[in-house]
Protein backbone atom coordinates (compact mmCIF):
# COMPACT_ATOMS: atom_id res chain seq x y z
CA MET A 1 108.77 121.38 108.78
CA SER A 2 106.31 124.15 108.40
CA TRP A 3 103.97 124.88 111.33
CA ARG A 4 100.59 123.73 109.36
CA GLU A 5 102.37 119.57 109.19
CA ILE A 6 103.50 120.05 113.01
CA TYR A 7 99.60 121.34 113.18
CA ASN A 8 98.27 118.25 111.44
CA ASN A 9 100.98 115.83 114.03
CA LYS A 10 99.30 117.53 117.07
CA ILE A 11 95.97 117.12 116.75
CA ILE A 12 93.79 114.06 118.97
CA SER A 13 90.66 113.57 119.64
CA VAL A 14 88.64 114.81 122.85
CA LYS A 15 88.47 111.31 124.32
CA ASP A 16 92.28 111.06 123.73
CA ALA A 17 93.21 114.86 125.32
CA ALA A 18 91.65 113.18 128.51
CA LYS A 19 93.63 110.14 128.39
CA LYS A 20 96.92 112.16 128.74
CA ILE A 21 95.70 113.03 132.14
CA GLU A 22 97.93 110.97 134.99
CA SER A 23 97.05 110.69 138.65
CA GLY A 24 98.36 113.78 139.91
CA ASP A 25 98.22 116.11 137.67
CA VAL A 26 97.58 119.67 138.22
CA ILE A 27 95.99 121.63 135.15
CA ALA A 28 95.77 124.67 134.72
CA THR A 29 92.90 126.39 132.75
CA SER A 30 91.26 129.99 132.39
CA LEU A 31 87.92 130.94 133.57
CA VAL A 32 84.11 131.46 131.31
CA THR A 33 85.47 131.34 127.82
CA GLY A 34 89.04 130.13 127.82
CA ILE A 35 87.96 126.50 129.83
CA PRO A 36 87.71 123.47 127.53
CA TYR A 37 84.65 122.16 128.23
CA SER A 38 84.45 119.36 126.55
CA ILE A 39 87.78 117.93 127.14
CA LEU A 40 87.68 118.47 130.93
CA ASP A 41 84.01 116.96 130.72
CA ASN A 42 85.13 113.33 129.80
CA LEU A 43 87.97 112.99 132.54
CA TYR A 44 85.00 112.07 134.05
CA ASP A 45 85.15 108.84 132.12
CA GLU A 46 88.63 108.58 133.21
CA LYS A 47 88.10 108.76 137.19
CA GLU A 48 87.86 105.21 137.93
CA ARG A 49 92.15 105.31 136.83
CA LEU A 50 92.62 108.75 138.20
CA SER A 51 93.34 109.98 142.11
CA ASN A 52 94.67 113.57 143.07
CA VAL A 53 94.09 115.33 140.04
CA ARG A 54 93.33 118.99 140.33
CA ILE A 55 92.19 121.62 138.26
CA ASP A 56 92.51 125.53 138.34
CA MET A 57 89.65 127.42 137.01
CA GLY A 58 87.18 130.26 137.66
CA PHE A 59 83.92 131.01 136.79
CA GLY A 60 82.85 128.09 134.48
CA VAL A 61 79.54 128.97 132.47
CA ARG A 62 78.86 125.48 131.17
CA ALA A 63 78.07 122.29 133.76
CA MET A 64 80.72 119.54 133.87
CA ARG A 65 80.53 115.91 134.97
CA ILE A 66 83.27 116.64 136.86
CA PHE A 67 81.71 118.79 139.26
CA LEU A 68 79.74 115.64 140.39
CA PRO A 69 80.32 114.52 144.05
CA ASP A 70 81.59 111.07 142.85
CA CYS A 71 84.22 112.77 141.43
CA LYS A 72 85.67 114.02 144.83
CA GLY A 73 89.40 112.63 145.32
CA LYS A 74 89.75 111.75 142.02
CA VAL A 75 89.30 115.06 140.12
CA ASP A 76 89.05 117.74 142.17
CA VAL A 77 88.35 120.92 140.89
CA ARG A 78 89.38 124.59 142.65
CA SER A 79 88.27 127.90 141.67
CA LEU A 80 89.49 131.53 141.73
CA PHE A 81 85.87 132.97 140.94
CA LEU A 82 82.32 130.79 141.62
CA GLY A 83 79.77 131.68 139.16
CA PRO A 84 76.31 130.15 139.38
CA ILE A 85 77.03 126.64 138.05
CA GLU A 86 79.72 126.36 140.66
CA ARG A 87 77.71 127.40 142.97
CA GLU A 88 74.67 125.05 142.07
CA PHE A 89 76.65 122.30 142.38
CA ILE A 90 78.45 123.21 145.70
CA LYS A 91 74.71 122.95 146.88
CA ARG A 92 74.56 119.29 145.07
CA GLY A 93 77.64 118.22 147.69
CA SER A 94 80.28 118.96 145.12
CA GLY A 95 83.89 118.96 145.85
CA ILE A 96 84.60 122.28 144.08
CA GLU A 97 86.35 124.64 146.24
CA ALA A 98 87.06 128.27 146.53
CA GLN A 99 90.64 129.77 146.19
CA LEU A 100 90.88 132.91 148.06
CA ILE A 101 93.73 135.33 145.81
CA HIS A 102 93.74 138.33 144.21
CA LEU A 103 93.54 138.24 140.48
CA SER A 104 97.42 140.33 140.38
CA ASN A 105 98.57 136.93 142.01
CA THR A 106 97.46 134.03 139.50
CA THR A 107 100.74 133.70 137.66
CA GLN A 108 102.52 133.74 140.83
CA ASP A 109 100.52 131.01 141.91
CA ARG A 110 99.91 128.61 139.33
CA VAL A 111 103.93 128.90 138.58
CA GLN A 112 105.12 129.13 142.03
CA THR A 113 103.25 128.43 144.71
CA HIS A 114 100.96 125.36 143.33
CA PRO A 115 102.50 125.08 140.33
CA ALA A 116 100.49 123.29 137.65
CA ASN A 117 102.48 120.56 134.81
CA VAL A 118 99.56 120.43 132.69
CA VAL A 119 97.63 123.60 130.72
CA MET A 120 94.36 123.05 129.06
CA LEU A 121 93.06 126.18 127.32
CA VAL A 122 90.84 126.93 124.05
CA GLY A 123 92.50 129.22 120.95
CA THR A 124 91.94 130.29 117.75
CA PRO A 125 93.49 128.68 114.38
CA PRO A 126 97.12 129.26 114.52
CA ASP A 127 97.57 132.58 112.19
CA LYS A 128 100.72 132.65 109.52
CA ASP A 129 103.47 132.37 112.02
CA GLY A 130 101.78 129.69 113.85
CA TYR A 131 100.67 131.84 117.06
CA ILE A 132 97.50 130.86 118.66
CA SER A 133 95.39 133.59 120.00
CA LEU A 134 93.52 132.75 123.33
CA GLY A 135 91.23 134.56 122.76
CA MET A 136 88.81 136.61 125.33
CA SER A 137 89.91 134.71 128.43
CA PRO A 138 93.61 133.73 128.28
CA LEU A 139 96.29 132.84 130.65
CA ASP A 140 99.82 134.09 130.84
CA VAL A 141 102.80 132.27 128.56
CA LYS A 142 104.55 131.70 132.09
CA LEU A 143 102.07 128.92 132.64
CA ILE A 144 102.35 127.16 129.47
CA HIS A 145 106.16 127.58 129.22
CA ASN A 146 106.18 125.86 132.96
CA ALA A 147 104.16 123.06 132.18
CA GLN A 148 104.74 119.76 130.90
CA LYS A 149 101.46 119.28 128.62
CA VAL A 150 99.74 121.62 126.69
CA ILE A 151 96.65 121.00 125.17
CA ILE A 152 94.87 123.40 123.29
CA GLN A 153 91.04 123.12 121.80
CA VAL A 154 91.22 124.97 118.54
CA ASN A 155 88.20 126.79 118.16
CA GLU A 156 87.24 128.63 114.81
CA ASN A 157 84.14 130.61 116.81
CA VAL A 158 87.20 131.83 119.69
CA PRO A 159 87.46 135.47 118.20
CA TYR A 160 91.61 136.34 117.09
CA ILE A 161 92.61 138.80 119.92
CA LYS A 162 96.58 140.39 119.96
CA GLY A 163 98.18 140.50 123.04
CA VAL A 164 101.63 140.41 124.81
CA ASP A 165 102.22 137.32 126.96
CA THR A 166 98.81 135.71 125.90
CA MET A 167 99.71 133.91 123.12
CA VAL A 168 101.02 130.75 122.39
CA HIS A 169 103.30 129.22 119.70
CA MET A 170 102.84 125.85 117.86
CA ASP A 171 105.72 124.72 118.69
CA ASP A 172 104.79 124.82 122.98
CA VAL A 173 101.84 123.01 122.14
CA SER A 174 101.72 119.26 123.38
CA TYR A 175 98.26 118.45 121.88
CA LEU A 176 95.72 120.24 119.84
CA VAL A 177 91.85 118.97 119.61
CA ASP A 178 90.18 120.55 117.08
CA LEU A 179 86.98 121.06 117.94
CA THR A 180 84.64 124.40 117.28
CA GLU A 181 82.01 124.84 119.46
CA GLU A 182 79.35 128.19 120.40
CA VAL A 183 81.41 130.49 122.45
CA TYR A 184 79.82 131.50 125.27
CA THR A 185 77.96 135.03 125.27
CA THR A 186 75.61 137.07 127.29
CA PRO A 187 73.31 140.24 126.92
CA ALA A 188 74.72 143.28 128.51
CA ALA A 189 72.53 143.49 131.79
CA ALA A 190 70.24 146.13 131.76
CA PRO A 191 70.58 149.13 134.13
CA SER A 192 67.55 149.93 136.78
CA ALA A 193 66.30 153.05 137.59
CA ILE A 194 68.69 152.88 140.73
CA ASP A 195 71.76 151.70 139.14
CA ALA A 196 71.30 154.78 136.38
CA LYS A 197 71.08 157.29 139.86
CA ILE A 198 74.60 155.60 140.93
CA ALA A 199 76.28 155.86 137.79
CA GLU A 200 75.14 159.78 137.49
CA TYR A 201 76.78 160.31 140.60
CA ILE A 202 80.03 158.52 139.21
CA VAL A 203 80.00 159.90 136.25
CA GLU A 204 79.84 163.90 137.48
CA LYS A 205 83.39 162.92 138.84
CA VAL A 206 84.96 161.57 135.99
CA PRO A 207 87.41 164.02 133.75
CA ASP A 208 88.11 163.72 130.02
CA GLY A 209 90.80 161.97 129.70
CA ALA A 210 90.33 159.19 132.41
CA CYS A 211 91.36 155.59 131.88
CA ILE A 212 88.67 153.52 133.29
CA GLN A 213 87.87 150.02 134.79
CA LEU A 214 84.30 148.66 134.77
CA GLY A 215 82.89 145.85 135.93
CA ILE A 216 80.37 143.78 134.95
CA GLY A 217 76.24 144.16 136.04
CA GLY A 218 73.70 147.47 135.39
CA ILE A 219 75.78 149.88 137.48
CA GLY A 220 79.23 149.41 135.07
CA THR A 221 76.41 149.39 131.94
CA ALA A 222 75.16 152.53 133.28
CA VAL A 223 78.04 154.26 133.90
CA GLY A 224 79.20 153.43 129.97
CA SER A 225 76.57 154.67 128.67
CA PHE A 226 76.29 158.24 130.72
CA LEU A 227 80.34 158.22 129.84
CA ASN A 228 79.59 158.42 125.81
CA ALA A 229 79.78 162.90 126.18
CA LYS A 230 83.63 162.31 128.08
CA LYS A 231 86.54 163.15 125.34
CA ASP A 232 90.02 161.06 125.27
CA LEU A 233 89.06 157.87 127.84
CA GLY A 234 91.47 155.20 128.10
CA ILE A 235 90.64 151.98 128.86
CA HIS A 236 92.88 149.60 131.16
CA SER A 237 90.40 147.01 133.02
CA GLU A 238 90.53 143.48 133.95
CA MET A 239 87.21 142.98 132.13
CA PHE A 240 86.00 144.11 129.01
CA VAL A 241 82.61 144.96 129.30
CA GLU A 242 79.58 145.75 126.56
CA SER A 243 79.36 149.60 127.43
CA MET A 244 83.46 149.70 126.25
CA VAL A 245 82.45 148.80 122.86
CA ASP A 246 80.04 151.65 122.24
CA LEU A 247 82.41 153.89 124.02
CA ILE A 248 85.21 152.81 121.66
CA GLU A 249 82.41 152.98 118.53
CA CYS A 250 81.41 156.66 119.55
CA GLY A 251 85.02 157.85 119.76
CA ALA A 252 84.79 158.45 123.74
CA VAL A 253 87.08 156.22 124.49
CA ASN A 254 90.68 156.51 122.09
CA ASN A 255 93.18 155.95 124.56
CA SER A 256 95.16 158.86 123.75
CA LYS A 257 95.94 159.99 127.37
CA LYS A 258 96.99 156.82 128.97
CA ASN A 259 100.80 156.60 129.87
CA ILE A 260 100.90 152.71 128.95
CA ALA A 261 100.36 151.78 124.99
CA LYS A 262 98.30 155.04 123.54
CA GLY A 263 95.86 154.09 121.52
CA ILE A 264 95.12 150.67 122.61
CA SER A 265 92.55 149.36 125.23
CA LEU A 266 94.04 146.79 127.44
CA ILE A 267 92.28 144.11 129.38
CA GLY A 268 92.92 140.77 130.81
CA PHE A 269 89.68 139.01 129.31
CA ALA A 270 86.07 139.61 127.89
CA LEU A 271 82.80 138.70 128.66
CA GLY A 272 79.70 139.87 126.46
CA SER A 273 77.17 139.43 123.74
CA LYS A 274 77.93 138.12 120.16
CA ARG A 275 78.25 141.86 119.06
CA MET A 276 81.21 142.32 121.89
CA THR A 277 82.78 139.24 120.20
CA ASP A 278 82.42 140.30 116.79
CA PHE A 279 83.88 143.22 117.71
CA LEU A 280 86.65 142.04 119.52
CA ASN A 281 87.51 139.84 116.50
CA ASN A 282 90.85 140.91 114.60
CA SER A 283 90.41 144.21 116.08
CA ASP A 284 93.54 146.69 116.39
CA LEU A 285 91.92 148.22 119.37
CA VAL A 286 91.82 146.42 122.07
CA GLU A 287 94.73 143.72 123.33
CA THR A 288 95.12 141.26 126.52
CA ARG A 289 97.70 141.27 129.05
CA PRO A 290 97.83 138.43 132.10
CA PHE A 291 96.43 139.47 135.05
CA ASP A 292 99.62 139.67 136.80
CA TRP A 293 100.05 142.62 134.80
CA ILE A 294 96.58 144.17 133.93
CA ASN A 295 95.77 144.20 137.82
CA SER A 296 98.97 144.93 139.29
CA PRO A 297 98.59 148.55 141.07
CA TYR A 298 102.20 149.33 140.06
CA VAL A 299 101.63 148.92 136.58
CA ILE A 300 97.57 150.36 136.72
CA GLY A 301 99.12 153.72 138.93
CA GLN A 302 101.68 154.66 135.90
CA ASN A 303 98.21 156.01 134.36
CA ASP A 304 96.79 159.27 135.29
CA HIS A 305 93.67 159.99 136.33
CA VAL A 306 92.29 155.95 136.43
CA ILE A 307 88.90 155.49 137.41
CA SER A 308 87.94 152.30 139.62
CA ILE A 309 84.44 151.17 139.26
CA ASN A 310 83.42 148.66 141.59
CA SER A 311 80.34 146.70 143.11
CA ALA A 312 79.82 145.00 146.66
CA LEU A 313 77.33 143.00 148.59
CA ALA A 314 77.84 144.36 151.61
CA ILE A 315 79.41 147.12 153.54
CA ASP A 316 79.78 148.05 157.40
CA LEU A 317 79.20 151.40 158.44
CA THR A 318 83.01 152.63 158.66
CA GLY A 319 83.43 151.56 154.99
CA GLN A 320 84.89 147.39 155.03
CA VAL A 321 83.25 146.54 152.06
CA CYS A 322 82.65 142.85 151.10
CA ALA A 323 82.02 141.85 147.64
CA GLU A 324 82.48 138.36 147.70
CA SER A 325 80.83 136.19 150.65
CA VAL A 326 77.42 136.13 151.81
CA GLY A 327 78.24 135.72 155.40
CA LEU A 328 80.61 132.57 155.50
CA ARG A 329 79.55 131.44 152.43
CA GLN A 330 81.73 132.18 149.56
CA TYR A 331 79.45 133.30 146.77
CA SER A 332 82.05 134.80 144.12
CA GLY A 333 85.75 135.49 144.38
CA THR A 334 88.28 137.93 145.86
CA GLY A 335 88.40 138.76 142.32
CA GLY A 336 90.72 142.37 141.42
CA GLN A 337 88.75 145.13 143.04
CA LEU A 338 91.51 145.75 145.74
CA ASP A 339 93.90 145.45 142.82
CA PHE A 340 92.14 148.25 141.47
CA VAL A 341 91.38 150.09 144.20
CA ARG A 342 95.30 150.33 144.83
CA GLY A 343 96.02 151.10 141.18
CA ALA A 344 93.73 153.89 141.39
CA ALA A 345 95.33 155.22 144.65
CA ALA A 346 98.73 155.10 143.20
CA SER A 347 97.48 156.82 140.04
CA LYS A 348 97.76 161.01 139.77
CA GLY A 349 94.39 162.02 140.09
CA GLY A 350 92.93 158.52 140.37
CA MET A 351 89.95 157.87 141.87
CA SER A 352 88.00 154.33 143.15
CA PHE A 353 84.33 154.12 143.59
CA ILE A 354 82.28 151.15 145.18
CA ALA A 355 78.82 151.43 144.10
CA MET A 356 75.63 149.77 145.36
CA PRO A 357 72.43 150.00 145.91
CA SER A 358 71.09 151.00 149.55
CA ALA A 359 68.60 147.99 149.88
CA ARG A 360 67.85 144.81 148.64
CA ALA A 361 64.60 142.83 148.73
CA ASP A 362 64.14 139.06 150.00
CA LYS A 363 61.60 136.41 148.28
CA GLN A 364 59.00 137.60 150.65
CA GLY A 365 59.37 141.64 149.40
CA LYS A 366 61.17 142.54 152.53
CA MET A 367 63.61 145.72 152.20
CA HIS A 368 66.64 144.74 153.95
CA SER A 369 69.87 147.46 154.29
CA LYS A 370 72.91 146.74 152.88
CA ILE A 371 74.63 148.95 154.67
CA SER A 372 74.67 147.89 158.38
CA LEU A 373 76.68 148.53 161.61
CA ALA A 374 78.95 145.54 161.19
CA LEU A 375 79.18 142.86 158.51
CA PRO A 376 77.45 139.92 158.98
CA LEU A 377 79.25 137.11 161.03
CA GLY A 378 81.54 135.51 158.45
CA SER A 379 81.89 138.09 155.85
CA ALA A 380 85.16 138.39 153.62
CA VAL A 381 86.35 142.14 153.90
CA THR A 382 87.21 142.05 150.17
CA THR A 383 88.83 146.12 150.11
CA PRO A 384 89.58 147.48 154.04
CA ARG A 385 88.15 150.38 155.10
CA ALA A 386 91.65 152.28 154.99
CA ASP A 387 91.72 151.47 150.88
CA VAL A 388 88.16 152.86 150.60
CA GLN A 389 88.10 156.36 148.66
CA TYR A 390 84.33 156.56 147.51
CA ILE A 391 81.01 154.62 148.39
CA VAL A 392 78.11 155.22 146.11
CA THR A 393 74.36 154.50 146.61
CA GLU A 394 71.41 156.34 144.83
CA TYR A 395 71.26 158.59 148.01
CA GLY A 396 74.67 159.84 146.93
CA ILE A 397 78.68 159.80 147.53
CA ALA A 398 80.40 158.89 150.70
CA THR A 399 84.01 160.37 150.90
CA LEU A 400 85.77 157.89 153.28
CA LYS A 401 89.67 158.19 152.37
CA HIS A 402 91.73 159.17 155.58
CA GLU A 403 88.44 159.88 157.26
CA SER A 404 87.61 159.45 161.24
CA ILE A 405 85.06 156.18 162.53
CA GLU A 406 82.77 158.82 163.67
CA ASN A 407 83.24 161.05 159.83
CA ARG A 408 83.03 157.69 157.70
CA VAL A 409 79.88 156.43 160.13
CA LYS A 410 78.00 159.66 159.57
CA SER A 411 78.62 159.62 155.91
CA MET A 412 77.52 156.01 155.39
CA ILE A 413 74.53 156.66 156.86
CA SER A 414 73.86 159.53 154.77
CA ILE A 415 73.48 157.40 152.14
CA SER A 416 72.07 154.52 153.10
CA HIS A 417 68.36 154.02 152.43
CA PRO A 418 66.00 156.20 154.24
CA ASP A 419 64.12 153.72 156.28
CA PHE A 420 66.85 152.57 157.85
CA ARG A 421 68.84 155.91 158.81
CA ASP A 422 67.30 156.29 162.47
CA SER A 423 67.91 152.59 163.45
CA LEU A 424 71.49 152.93 161.65
CA THR A 425 72.01 156.13 164.15
CA TYR A 426 70.69 154.35 166.78
CA GLU A 427 73.13 151.08 166.58
CA ALA A 428 75.96 153.11 166.19
CA LYS A 429 75.56 155.33 168.83
CA GLN A 430 74.84 152.56 171.01
CA ALA A 431 78.06 150.92 169.83
CA GLY A 432 79.85 154.24 170.91
CA LEU A 433 80.86 154.96 167.03
CA ILE A 434 79.27 158.37 167.32
């Protein structure tokens, strides 16, 4: 039997796919564009017959009825990275739980610690050999091989991206839902003047031949735009961002100096504009890998001159970095920041930067320092101070790696907003830090 015959025999409707879920099932899906929203949304109609169903996902970009409070205990959601939609539903009493996990540990968690017996994903139509690409937000095929049921929504708009351990063969799929929808896209964040200044400090330190990891947001966009004058850059990044398209197209990125996968940009997932989606479709220049590999500090460190650039919500005077919570309230997720900080540290000539504006304005326009004596009560420490190498604001770079507490504090005050330097100095002296 050809894969085309197998394909036709496995097609079911969205509603029938939802009916395949039973009480007690643990469903693993992906994040952003890899989540089959229409299928999961239909689980709401099945909730009266279901109990203790859990969906493991991250950063949903479409509202689903299963986020509603009346699904608690019937169909529950656990997210490893909260986005704006999840945060809004949590405010309204949703049962969405935040899972604290490094991206490098996701495969181990979903296969061993919290094994999923069902996998639901979005993919492309199968290629001539019967392989389905899982597009811009794949999962490790180990989850698929470990599952009892595998349900794939086939969406013709999903870009076909090659990968290792991120493509699924028709033989491993239980059911297919043939449903083509628009793929979520978002324009690149326009960098502010502050973002641009921060980027300038970082780019000065980036050598030709570096292997880069960038995060989403204005700072990442600005850094990417300033890197176009560099030569022989490589990409090994959990996320593919808009500025990376520009760097590849202008020739700054050719991956010639990497020790792993020369000539190929390796990523965990991608999020960006329609232009990015079109660029990635059938590209020979970009491939995906599972997070347990792409985010492994051991793997990252095998490349030379790894440059890791990430952001923060708040940092204290000794260098503790919070990138995921506002006090006790979980805001996003642990993500892969520490994975890449440690990977860069293991890399020959590697450098890691935590970048953020020195201050923020509240709704009334009052300014608040993002650098403080201590992190606000309950704040998560995403990156421990002993791992931090460089902190960057619009006022410069603080070098913290292996420094004493007093030197750290003085360096952090020097890159804080001028309006707060006197008060930070006073607080540090009162606390006995300097």
